[in-house]
Amino acid sequence: MTGYDYGSARDWARFGLLRLWDGVWEGKRILPAGWVEFISTPAPADNTRGYGGLFWLNRGGAWKGLPEDTFMSSGFMGQHTVVIRSRDVVVVRMGPSPRDSTPYLTELVTRLLAGLPQ
């Protein structure tokens, strides 16, 4: 996939849930075992620990207020699918943003998490 794929918010939520549930959908393994660990592990050449297997990571703590295990895919003009495995949460943002929407998204998800039970 690329940052220019089309889908509804529900499609992107399913995309995130498949990663949240370690590649298993309705009891059937769709992604290979170990795939989610691969995409959420920092790439060896990235000293910031902010990029894994085609996903952006919070392993270096760049997204203040979000758990370190947060990872996300980023699409065209600020569309994101955020996965937080420790909180069992997927957040999809579909709105277009001509500028970097990551600070807005981080604030939004931080506030959402504050309202959810631990």
PDB file of N, CA and C in Angstrom:
ATOM      1  N   MET A   1       0.830  -1.182   0.000  1.00  0.00           N
ATOM      2  CA  MET A   1       0.000   0.000   0.000  1.00  0.00           C
ATOM      3  C   MET A   1       0.875   1.246   0.000  1.00  0.00           C
ATOM      4  N   THR A   2       0.268   2.335  -0.438  1.00  0.00           N
ATOM      5  CA  THR A   2       0.972   3.614  -0.455  1.00  0.00           C
ATOM      6  C   THR A   2       0.155   4.633   0.326  1.00  0.00           C
ATOM      7  N   GLY A   3       0.611   5.840   0.386  1.00  0.00           N
ATOM      8  CA  GLY A   3      -0.129   6.895   1.065  1.00  0.00           C
ATOM      9  C   GLY A   3      -1.276   7.445   0.246  1.00  0.00           C
ATOM     10  N   TYR A   4      -1.530   6.879  -0.921  1.00  0.00           N
ATOM     11  CA  TYR A   4      -2.577   7.380  -1.808  1.00  0.00           C
ATOM     12  C   TYR A   4      -3.681   6.361  -2.053  1.00  0.00           C
ATOM     13  N   ASP A   5      -3.860   5.407  -1.166  1.00  0.00           N
ATOM     14  CA  ASP A   5      -4.911   4.409  -1.309  1.00  0.00           C
ATOM     15  C   ASP A   5      -6.234   4.979  -0.810  1.00  0.00           C
ATOM     16  N   TYR A   6      -7.314   4.562  -1.452  1.00  0.00           N
ATOM     17  CA  TYR A   6      -8.644   5.053  -1.101  1.00  0.00           C
ATOM     18  C   TYR A   6      -9.368   4.039  -0.221  1.00  0.00           C
ATOM     19  N   GLY A   7     -10.081   4.548   0.757  1.00  0.00           N
ATOM     20  CA  GLY A   7     -10.905   3.713   1.610  1.00  0.00           C
ATOM     21  C   GLY A   7     -11.758   4.594   2.483  1.00  0.00           C
ATOM     22  N   SER A   8     -12.820   4.018   3.018  1.00  0.00           N
ATOM     23  CA  SER A   8     -13.677   4.755   3.942  1.00  0.00           C
ATOM     24  C   SER A   8     -13.042   4.722   5.333  1.00  0.00           C
ATOM     25  N   ALA A   9     -13.587   5.517   6.244  1.00  0.00           N
ATOM     26  CA  ALA A   9     -13.099   5.488   7.630  1.00  0.00           C
ATOM     27  C   ALA A   9     -13.236   4.082   8.201  1.00  0.00           C
ATOM     28  N   ARG A  10     -14.316   3.414   7.873  1.00  0.00           N
ATOM     29  CA  ARG A  10     -14.527   2.042   8.345  1.00  0.00           C
ATOM     30  C   ARG A  10     -13.467   1.087   7.769  1.00  0.00           C
ATOM     31  N   ASP A  11     -13.120   1.265   6.502  1.00  0.00           N
ATOM     32  CA  ASP A  11     -12.063   0.441   5.899  1.00  0.00           C
ATOM     33  C   ASP A  11     -10.743   0.629   6.630  1.00  0.00           C
ATOM     34  N   TRP A  12     -10.399   1.900   6.925  1.00  0.00           N
ATOM     35  CA  TRP A  12      -9.135   2.177   7.601  1.00  0.00           C
ATOM     36  C   TRP A  12      -9.170   1.688   9.046  1.00  0.00           C
ATOM     37  N   ALA A  13     -10.334   1.725   9.668  1.00  0.00           N
ATOM     38  CA  ALA A  13     -10.453   1.174  11.020  1.00  0.00           C
ATOM     39  C   ALA A  13     -10.196  -0.334  10.985  1.00  0.00           C
ATOM     40  N   ARG A  14     -10.729  -1.020   9.991  1.00  0.00           N
ATOM     41  CA  ARG A  14     -10.452  -2.464   9.846  1.00  0.00           C
ATOM     42  C   ARG A  14      -8.961  -2.708   9.610  1.00  0.00           C
ATOM     43  N   PHE A  15      -8.358  -1.864   8.802  1.00  0.00           N
ATOM     44  CA  PHE A  15      -6.916  -1.936   8.549  1.00  0.00           C
ATOM     45  C   PHE A  15      -6.158  -1.856   9.877  1.00  0.00           C
ATOM     46  N   GLY A  16      -6.540  -0.907  10.745  1.00  0.00           N
ATOM     47  CA  GLY A  16      -5.904  -0.763  12.050  1.00  0.00           C
ATOM     48  C   GLY A  16      -6.212  -1.920  12.979  1.00  0.00           C
ATOM     49  N   LEU A  17      -7.466  -2.374  12.978  1.00  0.00           N
ATOM     50  CA  LEU A  17      -7.845  -3.498  13.843  1.00  0.00           C
ATOM     51  C   LEU A  17      -7.081  -4.764  13.492  1.00  0.00           C
ATOM     52  N   LEU A  18      -6.837  -4.981  12.213  1.00  0.00           N
ATOM     53  CA  LEU A  18      -6.066  -6.156  11.805  1.00  0.00           C
ATOM     54  C   LEU A  18      -4.668  -6.126  12.426  1.00  0.00           C
ATOM     55  N   ARG A  19      -4.094  -4.962  12.558  1.00  0.00           N
ATOM     56  CA  ARG A  19      -2.781  -4.827  13.211  1.00  0.00           C
ATOM     57  C   ARG A  19      -2.918  -4.890  14.731  1.00  0.00           C
ATOM     58  N   LEU A  20      -3.971  -4.284  15.263  1.00  0.00           N
ATOM     59  CA  LEU A  20      -4.209  -4.339  16.703  1.00  0.00           C
ATOM     60  C   LEU A  20      -4.348  -5.785  17.169  1.00  0.00           C
ATOM     61  N   TRP A  21      -5.030  -6.603  16.360  1.00  0.00           N
ATOM     62  CA  TRP A  21      -5.290  -7.997  16.707  1.00  0.00           C
ATOM     63  C   TRP A  21      -4.227  -8.941  16.170  1.00  0.00           C
ATOM     64  N   ASP A  22      -3.021  -8.403  15.923  1.00  0.00           N
ATOM     65  CA  ASP A  22      -1.864  -9.206  15.513  1.00  0.00           C
ATOM     66  C   ASP A  22      -2.106 -10.027  14.251  1.00  0.00           C
ATOM     67  N   GLY A  23      -2.817  -9.434  13.297  1.00  0.00           N
ATOM     68  CA  GLY A  23      -2.991 -10.083  12.000  1.00  0.00           C
ATOM     69  C   GLY A  23      -4.083 -11.130  11.944  1.00  0.00           C
ATOM     70  N   VAL A  24      -4.925 -11.210  12.985  1.00  0.00           N
ATOM     71  CA  VAL A  24      -6.007 -12.196  13.017  1.00  0.00           C
ATOM     72  C   VAL A  24      -7.342 -11.477  12.851  1.00  0.00           C
ATOM     73  N   TRP A  25      -8.172 -11.958  11.931  1.00  0.00           N
ATOM     74  CA  TRP A  25      -9.488 -11.376  11.698  1.00  0.00           C
ATOM     75  C   TRP A  25     -10.535 -12.469  11.802  1.00  0.00           C
ATOM     76  N   GLU A  26     -11.484 -12.268  12.717  1.00  0.00           N
ATOM     77  CA  GLU A  26     -12.562 -13.228  12.942  1.00  0.00           C
ATOM     78  C   GLU A  26     -12.029 -14.648  13.109  1.00  0.00           C
ATOM     79  N   GLY A  27     -10.958 -14.756  13.887  1.00  0.00           N
ATOM     80  CA  GLY A  27     -10.377 -16.057  14.202  1.00  0.00           C
ATOM     81  C   GLY A  27      -9.467 -16.639  13.139  1.00  0.00           C
ATOM     82  N   LYS A  28      -9.305 -15.953  12.024  1.00  0.00           N
ATOM     83  CA  LYS A  28      -8.458 -16.463  10.936  1.00  0.00           C
ATOM     84  C   LYS A  28      -7.228 -15.573  10.775  1.00  0.00           C
ATOM     85  N   ARG A  29      -6.052 -16.196  10.719  1.00  0.00           N
ATOM     86  CA  ARG A  29      -4.812 -15.438  10.527  1.00  0.00           C
ATOM     87  C   ARG A  29      -4.745 -14.947   9.089  1.00  0.00           C
ATOM     88  N   ILE A  30      -4.698 -13.618   8.951  1.00  0.00           N
ATOM     89  CA  ILE A  30      -4.622 -12.969   7.637  1.00  0.00           C
ATOM     90  C   ILE A  30      -3.182 -12.569   7.333  1.00  0.00           C
ATOM     91  N   LEU A  31      -2.506 -11.998   8.328  1.00  0.00           N
ATOM     92  CA  LEU A  31      -1.106 -11.593   8.177  1.00  0.00           C
ATOM     93  C   LEU A  31      -0.208 -12.659   8.790  1.00  0.00           C
ATOM     94  N   PRO A  32       1.005 -12.809   8.285  1.00  0.00           N
ATOM     95  CA  PRO A  32       1.904 -13.820   8.842  1.00  0.00           C
ATOM     96  C   PRO A  32       2.218 -13.558  10.320  1.00  0.00           C
ATOM     97  N   ALA A  33       2.388 -14.605  11.079  1.00  0.00           N
ATOM     98  CA  ALA A  33       2.799 -14.470  12.480  1.00  0.00           C
ATOM     99  C   ALA A  33       4.086 -13.657  12.519  1.00  0.00           C
ATOM    100  N   GLY A  34       4.165 -12.704  13.445  1.00  0.00           N
ATOM    101  CA  GLY A  34       5.348 -11.856  13.558  1.00  0.00           C
ATOM    102  C   GLY A  34       5.290 -10.587  12.733  1.00  0.00           C
ATOM    103  N   TRP A  35       4.292 -10.443  11.874  1.00  0.00           N
ATOM    104  CA  TRP A  35       4.200  -9.262  11.014  1.00  0.00           C
ATOM    105  C   TRP A  35       4.021  -7.982  11.823  1.00  0.00           C
ATOM    106  N   VAL A  36       3.116  -7.998  12.801  1.00  0.00           N
ATOM    107  CA  VAL A  36       2.858  -6.796  13.589  1.00  0.00           C
ATOM    108  C   VAL A  36       4.082  -6.442  14.430  1.00  0.00           C
ATOM    109  N   GLU A  37       4.788  -7.429  14.918  1.00  0.00           N
ATOM    110  CA  GLU A  37       6.032  -7.147  15.641  1.00  0.00           C
ATOM    111  C   GLU A  37       7.041  -6.494  14.713  1.00  0.00           C
ATOM    112  N   PHE A  38       7.126  -6.976  13.473  1.00  0.00           N
ATOM    113  CA  PHE A  38       8.040  -6.398  12.491  1.00  0.00           C
ATOM    114  C   PHE A  38       7.712  -4.935  12.210  1.00  0.00           C
ATOM    115  N   ILE A  39       6.428  -4.631  11.945  1.00  0.00           N
ATOM    116  CA  ILE A  39       6.084  -3.252  11.572  1.00  0.00           C
ATOM    117  C   ILE A  39       6.192  -2.290  12.743  1.00  0.00           C
ATOM    118  N   SER A  40       6.119  -2.808  13.975  1.00  0.00           N
ATOM    119  CA  SER A  40       6.167  -1.931  15.148  1.00  0.00           C
ATOM    120  C   SER A  40       7.537  -1.911  15.831  1.00  0.00           C
ATOM    121  N   THR A  41       8.528  -2.503  15.181  1.00  0.00           N
ATOM    122  CA  THR A  41       9.898  -2.505  15.695  1.00  0.00           C
ATOM    123  C   THR A  41      10.707  -1.457  14.926  1.00  0.00           C
ATOM    124  N   PRO A  42      11.440  -0.586  15.616  1.00  0.00           N
ATOM    125  CA  PRO A  42      12.223   0.440  14.913  1.00  0.00           C
ATOM    126  C   PRO A  42      13.197  -0.160  13.900  1.00  0.00           C
ATOM    127  N   ALA A  43      13.291   0.496  12.759  1.00  0.00           N
ATOM    128  CA  ALA A  43      14.248   0.087  11.738  1.00  0.00           C
ATOM    129  C   ALA A  43      15.665   0.283  12.283  1.00  0.00           C
ATOM    130  N   PRO A  44      16.560  -0.656  12.047  1.00  0.00           N
ATOM    131  CA  PRO A  44      17.910  -0.565  12.610  1.00  0.00           C
ATOM    132  C   PRO A  44      18.661   0.715  12.242  1.00  0.00           C
ATOM    133  N   ALA A  45      18.408   1.272  11.072  1.00  0.00           N
ATOM    134  CA  ALA A  45      19.147   2.459  10.629  1.00  0.00           C
ATOM    135  C   ALA A  45      18.531   3.762  11.132  1.00  0.00           C
ATOM    136  N   ASP A  46      17.376   3.699  11.799  1.00  0.00           N
ATOM    137  CA  ASP A  46      16.699   4.912  12.254  1.00  0.00           C
ATOM    138  C   ASP A  46      17.043   5.188  13.710  1.00  0.00           C
ATOM    139  N   ASN A  47      17.934   6.134  13.932  1.00  0.00           N
ATOM    140  CA  ASN A  47      18.360   6.470  15.293  1.00  0.00           C
ATOM    141  C   ASN A  47      17.260   7.115  16.127  1.00  0.00           C
ATOM    142  N   THR A  48      16.222   7.674  15.480  1.00  0.00           N
ATOM    143  CA  THR A  48      15.128   8.302  16.222  1.00  0.00           C
ATOM    144  C   THR A  48      14.138   7.271  16.755  1.00  0.00           C
ATOM    145  N   ARG A  49      14.227   6.048  16.286  1.00  0.00           N
ATOM    146  CA  ARG A  49      13.303   4.963  16.631  1.00  0.00           C
ATOM    147  C   ARG A  49      11.876   5.303  16.225  1.00  0.00           C
ATOM    148  N   GLY A  50      11.747   6.139  15.190  1.00  0.00           N
ATOM    149  CA  GLY A  50      10.445   6.622  14.766  1.00  0.00           C
ATOM    150  C   GLY A  50       9.878   5.968  13.528  1.00  0.00           C
ATOM    151  N   TYR A  51      10.576   4.973  12.977  1.00  0.00           N
ATOM    152  CA  TYR A  51      10.073   4.319  11.769  1.00  0.00           C
ATOM    153  C   TYR A  51      10.353   2.837  11.844  1.00  0.00           C
ATOM    154  N   GLY A  52       9.344   2.060  11.498  1.00  0.00           N
ATOM    155  CA  GLY A  52       9.482   0.598  11.488  1.00  0.00           C
ATOM    156  C   GLY A  52       9.236   0.063  10.098  1.00  0.00           C
ATOM    157  N   GLY A  53       8.591  -1.086  10.008  1.00  0.00           N
ATOM    158  CA  GLY A  53       8.281  -1.702   8.721  1.00  0.00           C
ATOM    159  C   GLY A  53       7.098  -1.018   8.052  1.00  0.00           C
ATOM    160  N   LEU A  54       7.319   0.103   7.425  1.00  0.00           N
ATOM    161  CA  LEU A  54       6.323   0.903   6.713  1.00  0.00           C
ATOM    162  C   LEU A  54       5.319   1.602   7.626  1.00  0.00           C
ATOM    163  N   PHE A  55       5.595   1.679   8.905  1.00  0.00           N
ATOM    164  CA  PHE A  55       4.742   2.395   9.851  1.00  0.00           C
ATOM    165  C   PHE A  55       5.592   3.378  10.645  1.00  0.00           C
ATOM    166  N   TRP A  56       4.975   4.488  11.042  1.00  0.00           N
ATOM    167  CA  TRP A  56       5.617   5.458  11.925  1.00  0.00           C
ATOM    168  C   TRP A  56       5.409   4.995  13.355  1.00  0.00           C
ATOM    169  N   LEU A  57       6.433   5.166  14.178  1.00  0.00           N
ATOM    170  CA  LEU A  57       6.423   4.642  15.544  1.00  0.00           C
ATOM    171  C   LEU A  57       6.635   5.750  16.565  1.00  0.00           C
ATOM    172  N   ASN A  58       6.177   5.506  17.781  1.00  0.00           N
ATOM    173  CA  ASN A  58       6.426   6.429  18.883  1.00  0.00           C
ATOM    174  C   ASN A  58       7.471   5.854  19.837  1.00  0.00           C
ATOM    175  N   ARG A  59       8.312   4.982  19.369  1.00  0.00           N
ATOM    176  CA  ARG A  59       9.303   4.338  20.242  1.00  0.00           C
ATOM    177  C   ARG A  59      10.289   5.341  20.829  1.00  0.00           C
ATOM    178  N   GLY A  60      10.544   6.424  20.123  1.00  0.00           N
ATOM    179  CA  GLY A  60      11.439   7.449  20.642  1.00  0.00           C
ATOM    180  C   GLY A  60      10.720   8.515  21.452  1.00  0.00           C
ATOM    181  N   GLY A  61       9.396   8.399  21.585  1.00  0.00           N
ATOM    182  CA  GLY A  61       8.620   9.336  22.396  1.00  0.00           C
ATOM    183  C   GLY A  61       8.333  10.668  21.731  1.00  0.00           C
ATOM    184  N   ALA A  62       8.345  10.719  20.403  1.00  0.00           N
ATOM    185  CA  ALA A  62       8.115  11.984  19.698  1.00  0.00           C
ATOM    186  C   ALA A  62       6.683  12.497  19.866  1.00  0.00           C
ATOM    187  N   TRP A  63       5.731  11.601  20.059  1.00  0.00           N
ATOM    188  CA  TRP A  63       4.330  11.997  20.200  1.00  0.00           C
ATOM    189  C   TRP A  63       4.004  12.057  21.688  1.00  0.00           C
ATOM    190  N   LYS A  64       4.248  13.204  22.268  1.00  0.00           N
ATOM    191  CA  LYS A  64       4.067  13.398  23.711  1.00  0.00           C
ATOM    192  C   LYS A  64       2.633  13.072  24.136  1.00  0.00           C
ATOM    193  N   GLY A  65       2.518  12.332  25.214  1.00  0.00           N
ATOM    194  CA  GLY A  65       1.222  11.959  25.750  1.00  0.00           C
ATOM    195  C   GLY A  65       0.688  10.643  25.237  1.00  0.00           C
ATOM    196  N   LEU A  66       1.328  10.085  24.206  1.00  0.00           N
ATOM    197  CA  LEU A  66       0.884   8.803  23.665  1.00  0.00           C
ATOM    198  C   LEU A  66       1.821   7.688  24.131  1.00  0.00           C
ATOM    199  N   PRO A  67       1.276   6.506  24.358  1.00  0.00           N
ATOM    200  CA  PRO A  67       2.127   5.392  24.788  1.00  0.00           C
ATOM    201  C   PRO A  67       3.228   5.089  23.769  1.00  0.00           C
ATOM    202  N   GLU A  68       4.320   4.556  24.261  1.00  0.00           N
ATOM    203  CA  GLU A  68       5.463   4.253  23.398  1.00  0.00           C
ATOM    204  C   GLU A  68       5.124   3.216  22.328  1.00  0.00           C
ATOM    205  N   ASP A  69       4.142   2.351  22.586  1.00  0.00           N
ATOM    206  CA  ASP A  69       3.804   1.316  21.606  1.00  0.00           C
ATOM    207  C   ASP A  69       2.852   1.801  20.513  1.00  0.00           C
ATOM    208  N   THR A  70       2.572   3.108  20.470  1.00  0.00           N
ATOM    209  CA  THR A  70       1.725   3.669  19.425  1.00  0.00           C
ATOM    210  C   THR A  70       2.453   3.596  18.088  1.00  0.00           C
ATOM    211  N   PHE A  71       1.724   3.171  17.058  1.00  0.00           N
ATOM    212  CA  PHE A  71       2.263   3.241  15.696  1.00  0.00           C
ATOM    213  C   PHE A  71       1.134   3.619  14.756  1.00  0.00           C
ATOM    214  N   MET A  72       1.516   4.198  13.612  1.00  0.00           N
ATOM    215  CA  MET A  72       0.480   4.643  12.683  1.00  0.00           C
ATOM    216  C   MET A  72       0.953   4.614  11.242  1.00  0.00           C
ATOM    217  N   SER A  73      -0.029   4.493  10.375  1.00  0.00           N
ATOM    218  CA  SER A  73       0.211   4.675   8.949  1.00  0.00           C
ATOM    219  C   SER A  73      -0.235   6.094   8.622  1.00  0.00           C
ATOM    220  N   SER A  74       0.429   6.684   7.663  1.00  0.00           N
ATOM    221  CA  SER A  74       0.108   8.055   7.270  1.00  0.00           C
ATOM    222  C   SER A  74      -0.229   8.090   5.799  1.00  0.00           C
ATOM    223  N   GLY A  75      -1.337   8.752   5.476  1.00  0.00           N
ATOM    224  CA  GLY A  75      -1.753   8.882   4.096  1.00  0.00           C
ATOM    225  C   GLY A  75      -1.618  10.305   3.611  1.00  0.00           C
ATOM    226  N   PHE A  76      -2.152  10.549   2.464  1.00  0.00           N
ATOM    227  CA  PHE A  76      -2.070  11.835   1.793  1.00  0.00           C
ATOM    228  C   PHE A  76      -2.789  12.920   2.591  1.00  0.00           C
ATOM    229  N   MET A  77      -2.144  14.041   2.791  1.00  0.00           N
ATOM    230  CA  MET A  77      -2.701  15.239   3.440  1.00  0.00           C
ATOM    231  C   MET A  77      -3.232  14.983   4.855  1.00  0.00           C
ATOM    232  N   GLY A  78      -2.520  14.205   5.632  1.00  0.00           N
ATOM    233  CA  GLY A  78      -2.843  14.075   7.041  1.00  0.00           C
ATOM    234  C   GLY A  78      -3.850  13.011   7.406  1.00  0.00           C
ATOM    235  N   GLN A  79      -4.086  12.069   6.530  1.00  0.00           N
ATOM    236  CA  GLN A  79      -4.952  10.957   6.886  1.00  0.00           C
ATOM    237  C   GLN A  79      -4.110   9.925   7.630  1.00  0.00           C
ATOM    238  N   HIS A  80      -4.612   9.463   8.767  1.00  0.00           N
ATOM    239  CA  HIS A  80      -3.836   8.566   9.619  1.00  0.00           C
ATOM    240  C   HIS A  80      -4.701   7.432  10.151  1.00  0.00           C
ATOM    241  N   THR A  81      -4.064   6.289  10.361  1.00  0.00           N
ATOM    242  CA  THR A  81      -4.645   5.193  11.132  1.00  0.00           C
ATOM    243  C   THR A  81      -3.675   4.926  12.268  1.00  0.00           C
ATOM    244  N   VAL A  82      -4.119   5.206  13.497  1.00  0.00           N
ATOM    245  CA  VAL A  82      -3.286   5.106  14.689  1.00  0.00           C
ATOM    246  C   VAL A  82      -3.673   3.832  15.445  1.00  0.00           C
ATOM    247  N   VAL A  83      -2.669   3.049  15.819  1.00  0.00           N
ATOM    248  CA  VAL A  83      -2.889   1.812  16.575  1.00  0.00           C
ATOM    249  C   VAL A  83      -2.142   1.921  17.899  1.00  0.00           C
ATOM    250  N   ILE A  84      -2.863   1.686  18.997  1.00  0.00           N
ATOM    251  CA  ILE A  84      -2.242   1.696  20.328  1.00  0.00           C
ATOM    252  C   ILE A  84      -2.593   0.368  20.986  1.00  0.00           C
ATOM    253  N   ARG A  85      -1.685  -0.582  20.879  1.00  0.00           N
ATOM    254  CA  ARG A  85      -1.970  -1.936  21.346  1.00  0.00           C
ATOM    255  C   ARG A  85      -2.146  -2.008  22.851  1.00  0.00           C
ATOM    256  N   SER A  86      -1.396  -1.228  23.616  1.00  0.00           N
ATOM    257  CA  SER A  86      -1.501  -1.287  25.078  1.00  0.00           C
ATOM    258  C   SER A  86      -2.843  -0.765  25.581  1.00  0.00           C
ATOM    259  N   ARG A  87      -3.526   0.024  24.780  1.00  0.00           N
ATOM    260  CA  ARG A  87      -4.826   0.570  25.178  1.00  0.00           C
ATOM    261  C   ARG A  87      -5.978  -0.042  24.376  1.00  0.00           C
ATOM    262  N   ASP A  88      -5.664  -0.960  23.452  1.00  0.00           N
ATOM    263  CA  ASP A  88      -6.679  -1.644  22.646  1.00  0.00           C
ATOM    264  C   ASP A  88      -7.503  -0.626  21.851  1.00  0.00           C
ATOM    265  N   VAL A  89      -6.795   0.306  21.194  1.00  0.00           N
ATOM    266  CA  VAL A  89      -7.452   1.433  20.519  1.00  0.00           C
ATOM    267  C   VAL A  89      -6.929   1.596  19.097  1.00  0.00           C
ATOM    268  N   VAL A  90      -7.851   1.906  18.184  1.00  0.00           N
ATOM    269  CA  VAL A  90      -7.519   2.333  16.821  1.00  0.00           C
ATOM    270  C   VAL A  90      -8.241   3.653  16.595  1.00  0.00           C
ATOM    271  N   VAL A  91      -7.530   4.655  16.077  1.00  0.00           N
ATOM    272  CA  VAL A  91      -8.112   5.954  15.749  1.00  0.00           C
ATOM    273  C   VAL A  91      -7.831   6.223  14.279  1.00  0.00           C
ATOM    274  N   VAL A  92      -8.861   6.637  13.555  1.00  0.00           N
ATOM    275  CA  VAL A  92      -8.727   6.974  12.135  1.00  0.00           C
ATOM    276  C   VAL A  92      -9.032   8.454  11.966  1.00  0.00           C
ATOM    277  N   ARG A  93      -8.158   9.141  11.261  1.00  0.00           N
ATOM    278  CA  ARG A  93      -8.386  10.553  10.912  1.00  0.00           C
ATOM    279  C   ARG A  93      -8.401  10.661   9.403  1.00  0.00           C
ATOM    280  N   MET A  94      -9.507  11.178   8.863  1.00  0.00           N
ATOM    281  CA  MET A  94      -9.690  11.222   7.413  1.00  0.00           C
ATOM    282  C   MET A  94      -9.546  12.615   6.816  1.00  0.00           C
ATOM    283  N   GLY A  95      -9.661  13.665   7.605  1.00  0.00           N
ATOM    284  CA  GLY A  95      -9.697  15.020   7.068  1.00  0.00           C
ATOM    285  C   GLY A  95      -8.416  15.440   6.390  1.00  0.00           C
ATOM    286  N   PRO A  96      -8.528  16.203   5.301  1.00  0.00           N
ATOM    287  CA  PRO A  96      -7.329  16.694   4.637  1.00  0.00           C
ATOM    288  C   PRO A  96      -6.708  17.861   5.401  1.00  0.00           C
ATOM    289  N   SER A  97      -5.398  17.890   5.448  1.00  0.00           N
ATOM    290  CA  SER A  97      -4.652  18.975   6.078  1.00  0.00           C
ATOM    291  C   SER A  97      -3.469  19.317   5.186  1.00  0.00           C
ATOM    292  N   PRO A  98      -3.374  20.546   4.719  1.00  0.00           N
ATOM    293  CA  PRO A  98      -2.260  20.896   3.841  1.00  0.00           C
ATOM    294  C   PRO A  98      -0.927  20.949   4.572  1.00  0.00           C
ATOM    295  N   ARG A  99      -0.950  21.034   5.913  1.00  0.00           N
ATOM    296  CA  ARG A  99       0.281  21.079   6.700  1.00  0.00           C
ATOM    297  C   ARG A  99       0.392  19.811   7.537  1.00  0.00           C
ATOM    298  N   ASP A 100       1.448  19.728   8.289  1.00  0.00           N
ATOM    299  CA  ASP A 100       1.654  18.585   9.169  1.00  0.00           C
ATOM    300  C   ASP A 100       0.542  18.523  10.206  1.00  0.00           C
ATOM    301  N   SER A 101      -0.233  17.459  10.180  1.00  0.00           N
ATOM    302  CA  SER A 101      -1.353  17.325  11.116  1.00  0.00           C
ATOM    303  C   SER A 101      -0.978  16.491  12.337  1.00  0.00           C
ATOM    304  N   THR A 102       0.270  16.041  12.436  1.00  0.00           N
ATOM    305  CA  THR A 102       0.669  15.172  13.542  1.00  0.00           C
ATOM    306  C   THR A 102       0.477  15.825  14.906  1.00  0.00           C
ATOM    307  N   PRO A 103       0.846  17.099  15.120  1.00  0.00           N
ATOM    308  CA  PRO A 103       0.593  17.692  16.444  1.00  0.00           C
ATOM    309  C   PRO A 103      -0.898  17.706  16.804  1.00  0.00           C
ATOM    310  N   TYR A 104      -1.739  18.031  15.854  1.00  0.00           N
ATOM    311  CA  TYR A 104      -3.188  18.011  16.098  1.00  0.00           C
ATOM    312  C   TYR A 104      -3.649  16.598  16.434  1.00  0.00           C
ATOM    313  N   LEU A 105      -3.197  15.639  15.653  1.00  0.00           N
ATOM    314  CA  LEU A 105      -3.585  14.244  15.871  1.00  0.00           C
ATOM    315  C   LEU A 105      -3.117  13.751  17.239  1.00  0.00           C
ATOM    316  N   THR A 106      -1.902  14.079  17.616  1.00  0.00           N
ATOM    317  CA  THR A 106      -1.365  13.665  18.917  1.00  0.00           C
ATOM    318  C   THR A 106      -2.222  14.232  20.045  1.00  0.00           C
ATOM    319  N   GLU A 107      -2.580  15.498  19.953  1.00  0.00           N
ATOM    320  CA  GLU A 107      -3.433  16.120  20.967  1.00  0.00           C
ATOM    321  C   GLU A 107      -4.801  15.448  21.014  1.00  0.00           C
ATOM    322  N   LEU A 108      -5.386  15.196  19.863  1.00  0.00           N
ATOM    323  CA  LEU A 108      -6.689  14.544  19.789  1.00  0.00           C
ATOM    324  C   LEU A 108      -6.657  13.165  20.440  1.00  0.00           C
ATOM    325  N   VAL A 109      -5.686  12.348  20.078  1.00  0.00           N
ATOM    326  CA  VAL A 109      -5.615  10.984  20.605  1.00  0.00           C
ATOM    327  C   VAL A 109      -5.296  11.000  22.104  1.00  0.00           C
ATOM    328  N   THR A 110      -4.444  11.914  22.549  1.00  0.00           N
ATOM    329  CA  THR A 110      -4.137  12.040  23.970  1.00  0.00           C
ATOM    330  C   THR A 110      -5.415  12.330  24.761  1.00  0.00           C
ATOM    331  N   ARG A 111      -6.248  13.228  24.249  1.00  0.00           N
ATOM    332  CA  ARG A 111      -7.511  13.556  24.924  1.00  0.00           C
ATOM    333  C   ARG A 111      -8.488  12.388  24.891  1.00  0.00           C
ATOM    334  N   LEU A 112      -8.527  11.675  23.779  1.00  0.00           N
ATOM    335  CA  LEU A 112      -9.378  10.490  23.707  1.00  0.00           C
ATOM    336  C   LEU A 112      -8.962   9.452  24.749  1.00  0.00           C
ATOM    337  N   LEU A 113      -7.661   9.217  24.836  1.00  0.00           N
ATOM    338  CA  LEU A 113      -7.164   8.223  25.797  1.00  0.00           C
ATOM    339  C   LEU A 113      -7.469   8.624  27.230  1.00  0.00           C
ATOM    340  N   ALA A 114      -7.415   9.930  27.506  1.00  0.00           N
ATOM    341  CA  ALA A 114      -7.696  10.402  28.867  1.00  0.00           C
ATOM    342  C   ALA A 114      -9.133  10.083  29.267  1.00  0.00           C
ATOM    343  N   GLY A 115     -10.024  10.001  28.298  1.00  0.00           N
ATOM    344  CA  GLY A 115     -11.420   9.715  28.589  1.00  0.00           C
ATOM    345  C   GLY A 115     -11.777   8.246  28.595  1.00  0.00           C
ATOM    346  N   LEU A 116     -10.808   7.384  28.276  1.00  0.00           N
ATOM    347  CA  LEU A 116     -11.064   5.942  28.244  1.00  0.00           C
ATOM    348  C   LEU A 116     -10.541   5.271  29.511  1.00  0.00           C
ATOM    349  N   PRO A 117     -11.186   4.187  29.926  1.00  0.00           N
ATOM    350  CA  PRO A 117     -10.643   3.465  31.095  1.00  0.00           C
ATOM    351  C   PRO A 117      -9.282   2.883  30.788  1.00  0.00           C
ATOM    352  N   GLN A 118      -8.456   2.769  31.817  1.00  0.00           N
ATOM    353  CA  GLN A 118      -7.120   2.180  31.649  1.00  0.00           C
ATOM    354  C   GLN A 118      -7.291   0.699  31.400  1.00  0.00           C
TER     355      GLN A 118
END
